[in-house]
Amino acid sequence: MKLSARNQLKGKVVAIEKGAVNAIVKIDIGGGNVISATISMDAIKELGIKEGSAAIAVIKATSVMVGVE
């Protein structure tokens, strides 16, 4: 599959925090970095995502907010 998004980070699913409708999927992309994404439980099932699965975090955003104390 080809995507227009340039920010594609390959990694491994290290945790899935399941809720009633959505889940938080955590992907270890190496170097001590973990990306978290909230996706639907339907998407988890359709994609067959499980802990230990290979996955790609695809980031496409028009803005990024950063805050500090």
N, C-alpha and C. Protein backbone atom coordinates (compact mmCIF):
# COMPACT_ATOMS: atom_id res chain seq x y z
N MET A 1 0.84 -1.17 0.00
CA MET A 1 0.00 0.00 0.00
C MET A 1 0.89 1.24 0.00
N LYS A 2 0.59 2.19 -0.85
CA LYS A 2 1.32 3.45 -0.89
C LYS A 2 0.46 4.52 -0.24
N LEU A 3 1.12 5.39 0.54
CA LEU A 3 0.43 6.49 1.21
C LEU A 3 1.16 7.80 0.92
N SER A 4 0.44 8.90 0.96
CA SER A 4 1.06 10.20 0.74
C SER A 4 1.79 10.69 2.00
N ALA A 5 1.43 10.16 3.16
CA ALA A 5 2.07 10.58 4.41
C ALA A 5 3.53 10.18 4.42
N ARG A 6 4.40 11.12 4.71
CA ARG A 6 5.83 10.85 4.71
C ARG A 6 6.32 10.32 6.05
N ASN A 7 5.60 10.62 7.11
CA ASN A 7 6.02 10.20 8.44
C ASN A 7 5.47 8.82 8.76
N GLN A 8 6.23 7.79 8.38
CA GLN A 8 5.85 6.41 8.61
C GLN A 8 6.93 5.77 9.46
N LEU A 9 6.57 5.38 10.68
CA LEU A 9 7.52 4.85 11.64
C LEU A 9 7.23 3.39 11.92
N LYS A 10 8.14 2.51 11.50
CA LYS A 10 7.95 1.07 11.68
C LYS A 10 8.30 0.68 13.11
N GLY A 11 7.55 -0.27 13.64
CA GLY A 11 7.82 -0.74 14.98
C GLY A 11 7.05 -1.99 15.32
N LYS A 12 6.93 -2.23 16.63
CA LYS A 12 6.25 -3.42 17.13
C LYS A 12 5.24 -3.00 18.18
N VAL A 13 4.05 -3.59 18.14
CA VAL A 13 3.01 -3.30 19.11
C VAL A 13 3.44 -3.88 20.45
N VAL A 14 3.54 -3.01 21.46
CA VAL A 14 3.98 -3.47 22.78
C VAL A 14 2.84 -3.47 23.81
N ALA A 15 1.73 -2.79 23.50
CA ALA A 15 0.60 -2.78 24.43
C ALA A 15 -0.66 -2.36 23.70
N ILE A 16 -1.78 -2.91 24.15
CA ILE A 16 -3.10 -2.51 23.67
C ILE A 16 -3.98 -2.34 24.90
N GLU A 17 -4.42 -1.10 25.13
CA GLU A 17 -5.31 -0.80 26.26
C GLU A 17 -6.73 -0.71 25.70
N LYS A 18 -7.49 -1.79 25.87
CA LYS A 18 -8.81 -1.89 25.27
C LYS A 18 -9.87 -1.19 26.09
N GLY A 19 -10.76 -0.49 25.36
CA GLY A 19 -11.93 0.12 25.97
C GLY A 19 -13.17 -0.46 25.32
N ALA A 20 -14.32 0.11 25.61
CA ALA A 20 -15.58 -0.39 25.05
C ALA A 20 -15.67 -0.13 23.55
N VAL A 21 -15.20 1.04 23.11
CA VAL A 21 -15.31 1.44 21.69
C VAL A 21 -13.95 1.61 21.04
N ASN A 22 -13.00 2.20 21.77
CA ASN A 22 -11.66 2.48 21.24
C ASN A 22 -10.59 1.77 22.06
N ALA A 23 -9.39 1.74 21.51
CA ALA A 23 -8.24 1.19 22.22
C ALA A 23 -7.05 2.10 21.98
N ILE A 24 -6.14 2.12 22.94
CA ILE A 24 -4.87 2.82 22.77
C ILE A 24 -3.83 1.77 22.41
N VAL A 25 -3.23 1.95 21.24
CA VAL A 25 -2.21 1.03 20.75
C VAL A 25 -0.86 1.70 20.93
N LYS A 26 0.07 1.01 21.57
CA LYS A 26 1.41 1.56 21.78
C LYS A 26 2.39 0.78 20.90
N ILE A 27 3.15 1.54 20.08
CA ILE A 27 4.10 0.96 19.14
C ILE A 27 5.50 1.41 19.50
N ASP A 28 6.38 0.45 19.77
CA ASP A 28 7.79 0.74 20.06
C ASP A 28 8.49 0.93 18.72
N ILE A 29 8.99 2.15 18.50
CA ILE A 29 9.66 2.46 17.23
C ILE A 29 11.19 2.47 17.38
N GLY A 30 11.68 2.00 18.52
CA GLY A 30 13.12 1.90 18.74
C GLY A 30 13.69 3.12 19.44
N GLY A 31 14.88 2.95 19.94
CA GLY A 31 15.58 4.06 20.60
C GLY A 31 14.89 4.52 21.87
N GLY A 32 14.09 3.66 22.48
CA GLY A 32 13.37 4.04 23.69
C GLY A 32 12.13 4.87 23.42
N ASN A 33 11.69 4.94 22.17
CA ASN A 33 10.53 5.75 21.78
C ASN A 33 9.31 4.88 21.53
N VAL A 34 8.19 5.29 22.12
CA VAL A 34 6.92 4.58 21.94
C VAL A 34 5.88 5.58 21.46
N ILE A 35 5.20 5.25 20.38
CA ILE A 35 4.12 6.08 19.82
C ILE A 35 2.80 5.48 20.27
N SER A 36 1.86 6.32 20.71
CA SER A 36 0.53 5.86 21.11
C SER A 36 -0.50 6.39 20.12
N ALA A 37 -1.46 5.54 19.78
CA ALA A 37 -2.54 5.95 18.88
C ALA A 37 -3.86 5.40 19.41
N THR A 38 -4.90 6.21 19.32
CA THR A 38 -6.23 5.76 19.69
C THR A 38 -6.96 5.36 18.42
N ILE A 39 -7.38 4.10 18.35
CA ILE A 39 -8.12 3.62 17.18
C ILE A 39 -9.32 2.80 17.67
N SER A 40 -10.25 2.56 16.78
CA SER A 40 -11.46 1.83 17.16
C SER A 40 -11.18 0.36 17.41
N MET A 41 -12.01 -0.24 18.23
CA MET A 41 -11.91 -1.68 18.47
C MET A 41 -12.19 -2.44 17.18
N ASP A 42 -13.07 -1.90 16.33
CA ASP A 42 -13.33 -2.53 15.03
C ASP A 42 -12.05 -2.58 14.20
N ALA A 43 -11.27 -1.49 14.21
CA ALA A 43 -10.01 -1.46 13.45
C ALA A 43 -9.02 -2.47 14.01
N ILE A 44 -8.98 -2.61 15.34
CA ILE A 44 -8.09 -3.61 15.96
C ILE A 44 -8.42 -5.00 15.40
N LYS A 45 -9.71 -5.32 15.36
CA LYS A 45 -10.15 -6.63 14.88
C LYS A 45 -9.88 -6.80 13.38
N GLU A 46 -10.26 -5.79 12.59
CA GLU A 46 -10.11 -5.86 11.13
C GLU A 46 -8.64 -6.00 10.71
N LEU A 47 -7.74 -5.31 11.40
CA LEU A 47 -6.32 -5.35 11.07
C LEU A 47 -5.58 -6.50 11.75
N GLY A 48 -6.24 -7.17 12.69
CA GLY A 48 -5.61 -8.29 13.39
C GLY A 48 -4.46 -7.85 14.28
N ILE A 49 -4.58 -6.67 14.87
CA ILE A 49 -3.50 -6.13 15.71
C ILE A 49 -3.46 -6.86 17.04
N LYS A 50 -2.26 -7.31 17.40
CA LYS A 50 -2.03 -8.00 18.67
C LYS A 50 -0.68 -7.54 19.22
N GLU A 51 -0.48 -7.71 20.53
CA GLU A 51 0.82 -7.39 21.10
C GLU A 51 1.86 -8.27 20.42
N GLY A 52 2.98 -7.67 20.03
CA GLY A 52 4.04 -8.39 19.33
C GLY A 52 3.95 -8.27 17.82
N SER A 53 2.81 -7.77 17.31
CA SER A 53 2.63 -7.60 15.86
C SER A 53 3.52 -6.47 15.34
N ALA A 54 3.99 -6.62 14.11
CA ALA A 54 4.67 -5.51 13.43
C ALA A 54 3.60 -4.51 13.04
N ALA A 55 3.94 -3.22 13.11
CA ALA A 55 2.98 -2.17 12.76
C ALA A 55 3.74 -0.94 12.29
N ILE A 56 3.04 -0.07 11.61
CA ILE A 56 3.61 1.19 11.16
C ILE A 56 2.74 2.33 11.67
N ALA A 57 3.34 3.26 12.40
CA ALA A 57 2.64 4.47 12.83
C ALA A 57 2.74 5.47 11.69
N VAL A 58 1.60 5.86 11.16
CA VAL A 58 1.55 6.82 10.05
C VAL A 58 1.02 8.13 10.62
N ILE A 59 1.81 9.19 10.48
CA ILE A 59 1.44 10.48 11.06
C ILE A 59 1.20 11.48 9.94
N LYS A 60 -0.01 12.00 9.90
CA LYS A 60 -0.37 13.02 8.91
C LYS A 60 -1.12 14.11 9.67
N ALA A 61 -0.52 15.26 9.84
CA ALA A 61 -1.15 16.32 10.60
C ALA A 61 -0.87 17.67 9.97
N THR A 62 -1.83 18.56 10.10
CA THR A 62 -1.64 19.91 9.60
C THR A 62 -1.05 20.82 10.67
N SER A 63 -1.13 20.38 11.93
CA SER A 63 -0.51 21.16 13.01
C SER A 63 -0.12 20.24 14.14
N VAL A 64 0.90 20.65 14.86
CA VAL A 64 1.37 19.92 16.03
C VAL A 64 1.48 20.92 17.16
N MET A 65 0.92 20.58 18.32
CA MET A 65 0.97 21.48 19.47
C MET A 65 1.98 20.93 20.47
N VAL A 66 2.80 21.81 21.03
CA VAL A 66 3.77 21.43 22.04
C VAL A 66 3.60 22.38 23.23
N GLY A 67 3.57 21.83 24.43
CA GLY A 67 3.45 22.67 25.62
C GLY A 67 4.52 22.35 26.63
N VAL A 68 4.90 23.34 27.40
CA VAL A 68 5.86 23.15 28.48
C VAL A 68 5.38 23.93 29.69
N GLU A 69 5.83 23.52 30.85
CA GLU A 69 5.48 24.23 32.10
C GLU A 69 6.35 25.45 32.23
